[in-house]
Amino acid sequence: MVETVTGTSGGDGLAAAAQLLHDFNEEYDEPAPTPDELATRLAELVAGDHVTVLLVRARETGAAIGVAVMRVQPSVWSRAQEAYLAELYVMPSRRGQGYGRELMTAAMRVALERGADYAFLVTSEDDRLAQRLYEAAGFRRTEGEGGPLMLAYERDL
């Protein structure tokens, strides 16, 4: 079951999403704010108009086991919005059970509901499981059908 996390929805939504995002960064040896700091930041983000946080819960227990963070913003290339799937994470012990697909489906539904006509994301070259999920959801690694391979660049400021 996928749910949208809001600052007023109560329950453990923000804390659970923050813990999962923290765990995500730890899994890949990336620095991360504390879960409390992340929860505060997520509350600020979901209070605005551009960011949606989704949680997927285990079917049998209801525990939060995956998170997605989607940003929808005006597009340069059309009058529609564009969606950036900033984060998508499922606990390692729950991968391969359809939870990532549930999050992806829900994220794309949010993008469409918010008026997006384009979605993009990035992943690392060695994350083959994520690549399979994204390609199964219709994403491609090329600029246009049959175009050149796209690369993502980043830089700290």
N, C-alpha and C. Protein backbone atom coordinates (compact mmCIF):
# COMPACT_ATOMS: atom_id res chain seq x y z
N MET A 1 0.83 -1.18 0.00
CA MET A 1 0.00 0.00 0.00
C MET A 1 0.88 1.25 0.00
N VAL A 2 0.62 2.17 -0.91
CA VAL A 2 1.38 3.41 -1.00
C VAL A 2 0.53 4.54 -0.45
N GLU A 3 1.15 5.39 0.35
CA GLU A 3 0.45 6.54 0.91
C GLU A 3 1.26 7.80 0.67
N THR A 4 0.56 8.91 0.56
CA THR A 4 1.20 10.21 0.45
C THR A 4 1.43 10.76 1.84
N VAL A 5 2.63 11.22 2.10
CA VAL A 5 2.98 11.77 3.41
C VAL A 5 2.77 13.28 3.38
N THR A 6 2.05 13.77 4.36
CA THR A 6 1.87 15.22 4.49
C THR A 6 2.28 15.61 5.90
N GLY A 7 2.49 16.90 6.09
CA GLY A 7 2.87 17.38 7.42
C GLY A 7 1.75 17.29 8.42
N THR A 8 0.52 17.12 7.94
CA THR A 8 -0.63 17.08 8.85
C THR A 8 -1.31 15.72 8.87
N SER A 9 -0.72 14.73 8.19
CA SER A 9 -1.40 13.43 8.10
C SER A 9 -1.27 12.61 9.37
N GLY A 10 -0.44 13.05 10.31
CA GLY A 10 -0.28 12.30 11.55
C GLY A 10 0.46 11.01 11.33
N GLY A 11 0.48 10.18 12.34
CA GLY A 11 1.16 8.90 12.21
C GLY A 11 2.66 9.07 12.11
N ASP A 12 3.30 8.03 11.62
CA ASP A 12 4.76 8.01 11.57
C ASP A 12 5.31 8.38 10.20
N GLY A 13 4.50 8.94 9.32
CA GLY A 13 4.89 9.15 7.93
C GLY A 13 6.18 9.90 7.72
N LEU A 14 6.29 11.11 8.27
CA LEU A 14 7.50 11.90 8.06
C LEU A 14 8.72 11.24 8.69
N ALA A 15 8.56 10.73 9.91
CA ALA A 15 9.68 10.07 10.59
C ALA A 15 10.11 8.82 9.84
N ALA A 16 9.14 8.05 9.35
CA ALA A 16 9.47 6.82 8.62
C ALA A 16 10.17 7.14 7.31
N ALA A 17 9.67 8.14 6.59
CA ALA A 17 10.30 8.54 5.33
C ALA A 17 11.72 9.03 5.58
N ALA A 18 11.91 9.82 6.62
CA ALA A 18 13.23 10.34 6.96
C ALA A 18 14.19 9.21 7.31
N GLN A 19 13.73 8.24 8.09
CA GLN A 19 14.60 7.12 8.46
C GLN A 19 15.00 6.31 7.22
N LEU A 20 14.04 6.08 6.32
CA LEU A 20 14.35 5.33 5.10
C LEU A 20 15.35 6.08 4.23
N LEU A 21 15.18 7.39 4.09
CA LEU A 21 16.13 8.17 3.30
C LEU A 21 17.52 8.15 3.94
N HIS A 22 17.57 8.23 5.25
CA HIS A 22 18.85 8.14 5.96
C HIS A 22 19.49 6.77 5.71
N ASP A 23 18.70 5.71 5.83
CA ASP A 23 19.21 4.35 5.58
C ASP A 23 19.72 4.20 4.15
N PHE A 24 19.02 4.81 3.20
CA PHE A 24 19.41 4.79 1.79
C PHE A 24 20.83 5.34 1.63
N ASN A 25 21.07 6.51 2.18
CA ASN A 25 22.40 7.11 2.07
C ASN A 25 23.45 6.28 2.79
N GLU A 26 23.11 5.74 3.95
CA GLU A 26 24.07 4.90 4.66
C GLU A 26 24.41 3.64 3.87
N GLU A 27 23.41 3.05 3.22
CA GLU A 27 23.65 1.84 2.42
C GLU A 27 24.70 2.09 1.34
N TYR A 28 24.69 3.28 0.77
CA TYR A 28 25.62 3.61 -0.30
C TYR A 28 26.79 4.48 0.17
N ASP A 29 27.01 4.50 1.49
CA ASP A 29 28.14 5.23 2.09
C ASP A 29 28.17 6.70 1.69
N GLU A 30 26.99 7.30 1.64
CA GLU A 30 26.88 8.73 1.35
C GLU A 30 26.56 9.47 2.65
N PRO A 31 27.07 10.67 2.82
CA PRO A 31 26.73 11.44 4.02
C PRO A 31 25.25 11.78 4.01
N ALA A 32 24.68 11.86 5.20
CA ALA A 32 23.26 12.17 5.31
C ALA A 32 23.00 12.93 6.61
N PRO A 33 22.04 13.83 6.58
CA PRO A 33 21.60 14.44 7.84
C PRO A 33 21.00 13.36 8.74
N THR A 34 20.81 13.70 9.99
CA THR A 34 20.17 12.75 10.91
C THR A 34 18.71 12.55 10.48
N PRO A 35 18.09 11.45 10.90
CA PRO A 35 16.67 11.26 10.59
C PRO A 35 15.80 12.42 11.09
N ASP A 36 16.11 12.98 12.27
CA ASP A 36 15.32 14.11 12.77
C ASP A 36 15.46 15.33 11.87
N GLU A 37 16.68 15.59 11.41
CA GLU A 37 16.90 16.72 10.49
C GLU A 37 16.17 16.49 9.17
N LEU A 38 16.22 15.26 8.69
CA LEU A 38 15.52 14.93 7.44
C LEU A 38 14.01 15.08 7.61
N ALA A 39 13.47 14.66 8.74
CA ALA A 39 12.02 14.77 8.97
C ALA A 39 11.60 16.24 8.96
N THR A 40 12.40 17.09 9.58
CA THR A 40 12.11 18.53 9.57
C THR A 40 12.13 19.07 8.15
N ARG A 41 13.13 18.68 7.39
CA ARG A 41 13.23 19.16 6.00
C ARG A 41 12.08 18.64 5.15
N LEU A 42 11.73 17.37 5.31
CA LEU A 42 10.60 16.82 4.56
C LEU A 42 9.31 17.55 4.89
N ALA A 43 9.11 17.90 6.16
CA ALA A 43 7.91 18.65 6.55
C ALA A 43 7.86 19.99 5.83
N GLU A 44 9.01 20.66 5.73
CA GLU A 44 9.07 21.93 5.00
C GLU A 44 8.74 21.72 3.53
N LEU A 45 9.29 20.67 2.94
CA LEU A 45 9.09 20.43 1.51
C LEU A 45 7.65 20.09 1.17
N VAL A 46 7.03 19.20 1.95
CA VAL A 46 5.66 18.80 1.62
C VAL A 46 4.66 19.91 1.92
N ALA A 47 5.06 20.90 2.71
CA ALA A 47 4.18 22.04 2.97
C ALA A 47 4.08 22.96 1.76
N GLY A 48 5.04 22.85 0.84
CA GLY A 48 5.03 23.66 -0.38
C GLY A 48 4.24 22.99 -1.49
N ASP A 49 4.39 23.53 -2.69
CA ASP A 49 3.60 23.07 -3.83
C ASP A 49 4.30 22.08 -4.74
N HIS A 50 5.59 21.85 -4.55
CA HIS A 50 6.34 21.12 -5.56
C HIS A 50 6.74 19.70 -5.20
N VAL A 51 6.77 19.34 -3.93
CA VAL A 51 7.33 18.05 -3.52
C VAL A 51 6.26 17.15 -2.92
N THR A 52 6.28 15.89 -3.36
CA THR A 52 5.41 14.86 -2.80
C THR A 52 6.29 13.73 -2.28
N VAL A 53 6.00 13.28 -1.07
CA VAL A 53 6.70 12.14 -0.47
C VAL A 53 5.72 10.99 -0.38
N LEU A 54 6.14 9.84 -0.87
CA LEU A 54 5.32 8.63 -0.86
C LEU A 54 6.00 7.56 -0.01
N LEU A 55 5.20 6.81 0.73
CA LEU A 55 5.69 5.66 1.49
C LEU A 55 4.99 4.42 0.99
N VAL A 56 5.71 3.31 0.93
CA VAL A 56 5.08 2.03 0.68
C VAL A 56 5.24 1.21 1.95
N ARG A 57 4.17 0.52 2.32
CA ARG A 57 4.16 -0.26 3.55
C ARG A 57 4.06 -1.74 3.23
N ALA A 58 4.68 -2.55 4.09
CA ALA A 58 4.65 -4.00 3.93
C ALA A 58 3.21 -4.49 3.98
N ARG A 59 2.89 -5.38 3.08
CA ARG A 59 1.52 -5.90 3.01
C ARG A 59 1.11 -6.60 4.29
N GLU A 60 2.02 -7.34 4.90
CA GLU A 60 1.65 -8.17 6.04
C GLU A 60 1.72 -7.45 7.38
N THR A 61 2.55 -6.40 7.50
CA THR A 61 2.71 -5.75 8.80
C THR A 61 2.33 -4.28 8.82
N GLY A 62 2.30 -3.64 7.67
CA GLY A 62 2.04 -2.21 7.61
C GLY A 62 3.25 -1.34 7.92
N ALA A 63 4.41 -1.96 8.13
CA ALA A 63 5.63 -1.19 8.40
C ALA A 63 6.09 -0.48 7.13
N ALA A 64 6.59 0.74 7.29
CA ALA A 64 7.13 1.49 6.16
C ALA A 64 8.42 0.83 5.69
N ILE A 65 8.48 0.47 4.40
CA ILE A 65 9.65 -0.24 3.87
C ILE A 65 10.23 0.41 2.63
N GLY A 66 9.61 1.47 2.14
CA GLY A 66 10.12 2.15 0.95
C GLY A 66 9.61 3.57 0.88
N VAL A 67 10.36 4.41 0.16
CA VAL A 67 10.02 5.82 0.06
C VAL A 67 10.35 6.33 -1.34
N ALA A 68 9.57 7.28 -1.79
CA ALA A 68 9.86 8.01 -3.03
C ALA A 68 9.65 9.49 -2.77
N VAL A 69 10.49 10.31 -3.38
CA VAL A 69 10.36 11.76 -3.29
C VAL A 69 10.29 12.30 -4.71
N MET A 70 9.18 12.96 -5.02
CA MET A 70 8.92 13.46 -6.37
C MET A 70 8.78 14.98 -6.33
N ARG A 71 9.50 15.65 -7.22
CA ARG A 71 9.37 17.10 -7.34
C ARG A 71 8.74 17.40 -8.70
N VAL A 72 7.67 18.17 -8.71
CA VAL A 72 6.99 18.57 -9.94
C VAL A 72 7.13 20.09 -10.05
N GLN A 73 7.58 20.53 -11.22
CA GLN A 73 7.88 21.95 -11.41
C GLN A 73 7.56 22.35 -12.84
N PRO A 74 7.48 23.66 -13.11
CA PRO A 74 7.22 24.10 -14.47
C PRO A 74 8.32 23.64 -15.42
N SER A 75 7.92 23.30 -16.62
CA SER A 75 8.86 22.85 -17.65
C SER A 75 9.27 24.01 -18.54
N VAL A 76 10.48 23.96 -19.01
CA VAL A 76 10.96 24.94 -19.98
C VAL A 76 10.39 24.62 -21.36
N TRP A 77 10.20 23.34 -21.65
CA TRP A 77 9.92 22.87 -23.01
C TRP A 77 8.45 22.75 -23.35
N SER A 78 7.58 22.86 -22.39
CA SER A 78 6.15 22.82 -22.69
C SER A 78 5.41 23.62 -21.63
N ARG A 79 4.14 23.82 -21.86
CA ARG A 79 3.33 24.53 -20.87
C ARG A 79 2.95 23.62 -19.70
N ALA A 80 3.25 22.36 -19.83
CA ALA A 80 2.97 21.39 -18.76
C ALA A 80 4.07 21.46 -17.69
N GLN A 81 3.91 20.63 -16.71
CA GLN A 81 4.92 20.48 -15.66
C GLN A 81 5.88 19.35 -16.05
N GLU A 82 7.02 19.30 -15.36
CA GLU A 82 7.92 18.15 -15.49
C GLU A 82 8.13 17.58 -14.09
N ALA A 83 8.37 16.29 -14.03
CA ALA A 83 8.53 15.62 -12.74
C ALA A 83 9.93 15.05 -12.62
N TYR A 84 10.52 15.25 -11.46
CA TYR A 84 11.84 14.69 -11.16
C TYR A 84 11.67 13.73 -9.99
N LEU A 85 11.95 12.46 -10.23
CA LEU A 85 11.91 11.47 -9.16
C LEU A 85 13.26 11.55 -8.46
N ALA A 86 13.31 12.35 -7.40
CA ALA A 86 14.57 12.65 -6.72
C ALA A 86 15.09 11.45 -5.93
N GLU A 87 14.20 10.68 -5.35
CA GLU A 87 14.61 9.52 -4.54
C GLU A 87 13.59 8.41 -4.71
N LEU A 88 14.09 7.18 -4.76
CA LEU A 88 13.23 5.99 -4.69
C LEU A 88 14.06 4.92 -4.00
N TYR A 89 13.57 4.43 -2.87
CA TYR A 89 14.33 3.47 -2.06
C TYR A 89 13.38 2.45 -1.45
N VAL A 90 13.80 1.20 -1.54
CA VAL A 90 13.12 0.10 -0.86
C VAL A 90 14.17 -0.63 -0.03
N MET A 91 13.83 -0.97 1.20
CA MET A 91 14.76 -1.69 2.07
C MET A 91 15.31 -2.91 1.34
N PRO A 92 16.60 -3.20 1.50
CA PRO A 92 17.20 -4.33 0.79
C PRO A 92 16.45 -5.65 0.97
N SER A 93 15.97 -5.93 2.17
CA SER A 93 15.28 -7.21 2.42
C SER A 93 13.93 -7.30 1.72
N ARG A 94 13.43 -6.18 1.19
CA ARG A 94 12.11 -6.15 0.54
C ARG A 94 12.19 -5.95 -0.97
N ARG A 95 13.39 -5.87 -1.51
CA ARG A 95 13.54 -5.68 -2.95
C ARG A 95 13.14 -6.94 -3.70
N GLY A 96 12.67 -6.75 -4.92
CA GLY A 96 12.26 -7.88 -5.75
C GLY A 96 10.88 -8.42 -5.41
N GLN A 97 10.12 -7.69 -4.59
CA GLN A 97 8.78 -8.13 -4.18
C GLN A 97 7.67 -7.23 -4.70
N GLY A 98 8.02 -6.32 -5.61
CA GLY A 98 7.02 -5.46 -6.24
C GLY A 98 6.82 -4.11 -5.57
N TYR A 99 7.50 -3.86 -4.46
CA TYR A 99 7.30 -2.60 -3.75
C TYR A 99 7.86 -1.41 -4.52
N GLY A 100 9.00 -1.58 -5.17
CA GLY A 100 9.55 -0.50 -5.99
C GLY A 100 8.63 -0.16 -7.14
N ARG A 101 8.05 -1.18 -7.75
CA ARG A 101 7.09 -0.97 -8.84
C ARG A 101 5.86 -0.21 -8.33
N GLU A 102 5.39 -0.55 -7.12
CA GLU A 102 4.25 0.17 -6.53
C GLU A 102 4.58 1.64 -6.33
N LEU A 103 5.77 1.92 -5.79
CA LEU A 103 6.19 3.31 -5.59
C LEU A 103 6.29 4.04 -6.92
N MET A 104 6.89 3.39 -7.91
CA MET A 104 7.06 4.01 -9.22
C MET A 104 5.70 4.33 -9.85
N THR A 105 4.78 3.39 -9.79
CA THR A 105 3.43 3.61 -10.33
C THR A 105 2.75 4.77 -9.63
N ALA A 106 2.85 4.82 -8.31
CA ALA A 106 2.23 5.91 -7.55
C ALA A 106 2.89 7.24 -7.88
N ALA A 107 4.21 7.25 -8.01
CA ALA A 107 4.93 8.49 -8.33
C ALA A 107 4.51 9.02 -9.71
N MET A 108 4.37 8.14 -10.69
CA MET A 108 3.96 8.58 -12.02
C MET A 108 2.51 9.07 -12.00
N ARG A 109 1.68 8.45 -11.18
CA ARG A 109 0.30 8.92 -11.04
C ARG A 109 0.29 10.34 -10.45
N VAL A 110 1.11 10.58 -9.43
CA VAL A 110 1.22 11.93 -8.85
C VAL A 110 1.67 12.92 -9.92
N ALA A 111 2.67 12.55 -10.70
CA ALA A 111 3.18 13.44 -11.75
C ALA A 111 2.07 13.81 -12.73
N LEU A 112 1.32 12.82 -13.17
CA LEU A 112 0.22 13.09 -14.11
C LEU A 112 -0.86 13.95 -13.47
N GLU A 113 -1.22 13.65 -12.23
CA GLU A 113 -2.25 14.43 -11.54
C GLU A 113 -1.83 15.88 -11.35
N ARG A 114 -0.53 16.11 -11.22
CA ARG A 114 -0.01 17.47 -11.02
C ARG A 114 0.29 18.17 -12.34
N GLY A 115 -0.04 17.52 -13.47
CA GLY A 115 0.06 18.17 -14.77
C GLY A 115 1.36 17.96 -15.52
N ALA A 116 2.17 17.00 -15.10
CA ALA A 116 3.45 16.75 -15.79
C ALA A 116 3.23 15.96 -17.07
N ASP A 117 4.05 16.28 -18.08
CA ASP A 117 4.03 15.49 -19.31
C ASP A 117 5.39 14.84 -19.57
N TYR A 118 6.29 14.93 -18.58
CA TYR A 118 7.65 14.41 -18.72
C TYR A 118 8.17 14.10 -17.33
N ALA A 119 8.88 12.99 -17.19
CA ALA A 119 9.49 12.64 -15.91
C ALA A 119 10.93 12.21 -16.15
N PHE A 120 11.79 12.54 -15.21
CA PHE A 120 13.18 12.12 -15.32
C PHE A 120 13.71 11.73 -13.95
N LEU A 121 14.80 10.98 -13.97
CA LEU A 121 15.47 10.52 -12.76
C LEU A 121 16.90 10.19 -13.11
N VAL A 122 17.71 9.95 -12.11
CA VAL A 122 19.08 9.50 -12.33
C VAL A 122 19.36 8.33 -11.40
N THR A 123 20.28 7.50 -11.81
CA THR A 123 20.75 6.40 -10.97
C THR A 123 22.20 6.13 -11.33
N SER A 124 22.86 5.33 -10.53
CA SER A 124 24.26 5.03 -10.80
C SER A 124 24.39 3.87 -11.78
N GLU A 125 25.50 3.86 -12.47
CA GLU A 125 25.75 2.85 -13.49
C GLU A 125 25.76 1.43 -12.92
N ASP A 126 26.17 1.28 -11.67
CA ASP A 126 26.28 -0.05 -11.08
C ASP A 126 24.99 -0.54 -10.43
N ASP A 127 23.95 0.30 -10.37
CA ASP A 127 22.70 -0.11 -9.73
C ASP A 127 21.77 -0.76 -10.76
N ARG A 128 22.10 -1.97 -11.11
CA ARG A 128 21.38 -2.71 -12.16
C ARG A 128 19.92 -2.97 -11.79
N LEU A 129 19.66 -3.25 -10.51
CA LEU A 129 18.29 -3.52 -10.08
C LEU A 129 17.41 -2.29 -10.31
N ALA A 130 17.92 -1.12 -9.95
CA ALA A 130 17.17 0.12 -10.18
C ALA A 130 16.98 0.37 -11.67
N GLN A 131 18.01 0.12 -12.46
CA GLN A 131 17.89 0.32 -13.90
C GLN A 131 16.78 -0.55 -14.48
N ARG A 132 16.71 -1.80 -14.05
CA ARG A 132 15.65 -2.69 -14.55
C ARG A 132 14.27 -2.16 -14.17
N LEU A 133 14.13 -1.68 -12.94
CA LEU A 133 12.86 -1.11 -12.49
C LEU A 133 12.48 0.09 -13.36
N TYR A 134 13.41 0.99 -13.57
CA TYR A 134 13.12 2.21 -14.32
C TYR A 134 12.80 1.91 -15.78
N GLU A 135 13.56 1.02 -16.38
CA GLU A 135 13.30 0.66 -17.77
C GLU A 135 11.97 -0.07 -17.92
N ALA A 136 11.62 -0.91 -16.95
CA ALA A 136 10.32 -1.59 -16.98
C ALA A 136 9.17 -0.58 -16.86
N ALA A 137 9.45 0.57 -16.22
CA ALA A 137 8.44 1.62 -16.06
C ALA A 137 8.40 2.56 -17.26
N GLY A 138 9.22 2.30 -18.29
CA GLY A 138 9.18 3.10 -19.50
C GLY A 138 10.26 4.15 -19.63
N PHE A 139 11.15 4.27 -18.65
CA PHE A 139 12.25 5.22 -18.75
C PHE A 139 13.31 4.67 -19.69
N ARG A 140 14.04 5.56 -20.34
CA ARG A 140 15.12 5.14 -21.23
C ARG A 140 16.39 5.91 -20.86
N ARG A 141 17.52 5.33 -21.24
CA ARG A 141 18.82 5.93 -20.93
C ARG A 141 19.32 6.82 -22.05
N THR A 142 18.52 6.99 -23.07
CA THR A 142 18.96 7.75 -24.23
C THR A 142 18.14 9.01 -24.41
N GLU A 143 18.73 9.96 -25.12
CA GLU A 143 18.01 11.18 -25.45
C GLU A 143 17.12 10.90 -26.64
N GLY A 144 15.86 10.71 -26.39
CA GLY A 144 14.93 10.31 -27.45
C GLY A 144 15.12 8.86 -27.81
N GLU A 145 14.19 8.33 -28.54
CA GLU A 145 14.25 6.93 -28.97
C GLU A 145 15.44 6.73 -29.90
N GLY A 146 16.38 5.88 -29.51
CA GLY A 146 17.55 5.59 -30.32
C GLY A 146 18.62 6.66 -30.31
N GLY A 147 18.47 7.67 -29.46
CA GLY A 147 19.44 8.76 -29.40
C GLY A 147 20.67 8.39 -28.59
N PRO A 148 21.55 9.37 -28.37
CA PRO A 148 22.77 9.10 -27.63
C PRO A 148 22.49 8.84 -26.15
N LEU A 149 23.42 8.12 -25.52
CA LEU A 149 23.33 7.83 -24.09
C LEU A 149 23.37 9.13 -23.31
N MET A 150 22.48 9.28 -22.33
CA MET A 150 22.46 10.47 -21.50
C MET A 150 23.35 10.24 -20.27
N LEU A 151 23.97 11.29 -19.82
CA LEU A 151 24.81 11.26 -18.63
C LEU A 151 24.30 12.29 -17.65
N ALA A 152 24.43 12.01 -16.37
CA ALA A 152 24.07 12.98 -15.33
C ALA A 152 25.36 13.48 -14.69
N TYR A 153 25.42 14.76 -14.44
CA TYR A 153 26.56 15.37 -13.78
C TYR A 153 26.07 16.07 -12.53
N GLU A 154 26.91 16.12 -11.51
CA GLU A 154 26.54 16.85 -10.31
C GLU A 154 27.76 17.56 -9.75
N ARG A 155 27.50 18.55 -8.90
CA ARG A 155 28.58 19.34 -8.32
C ARG A 155 28.08 19.97 -7.04
N ASP A 156 28.89 19.97 -6.02
CA ASP A 156 28.57 20.69 -4.78
C ASP A 156 28.83 22.17 -4.99
N LEU A 157 28.00 22.99 -4.39
CA LEU A 157 28.17 24.45 -4.47
C LEU A 157 28.37 25.02 -3.09
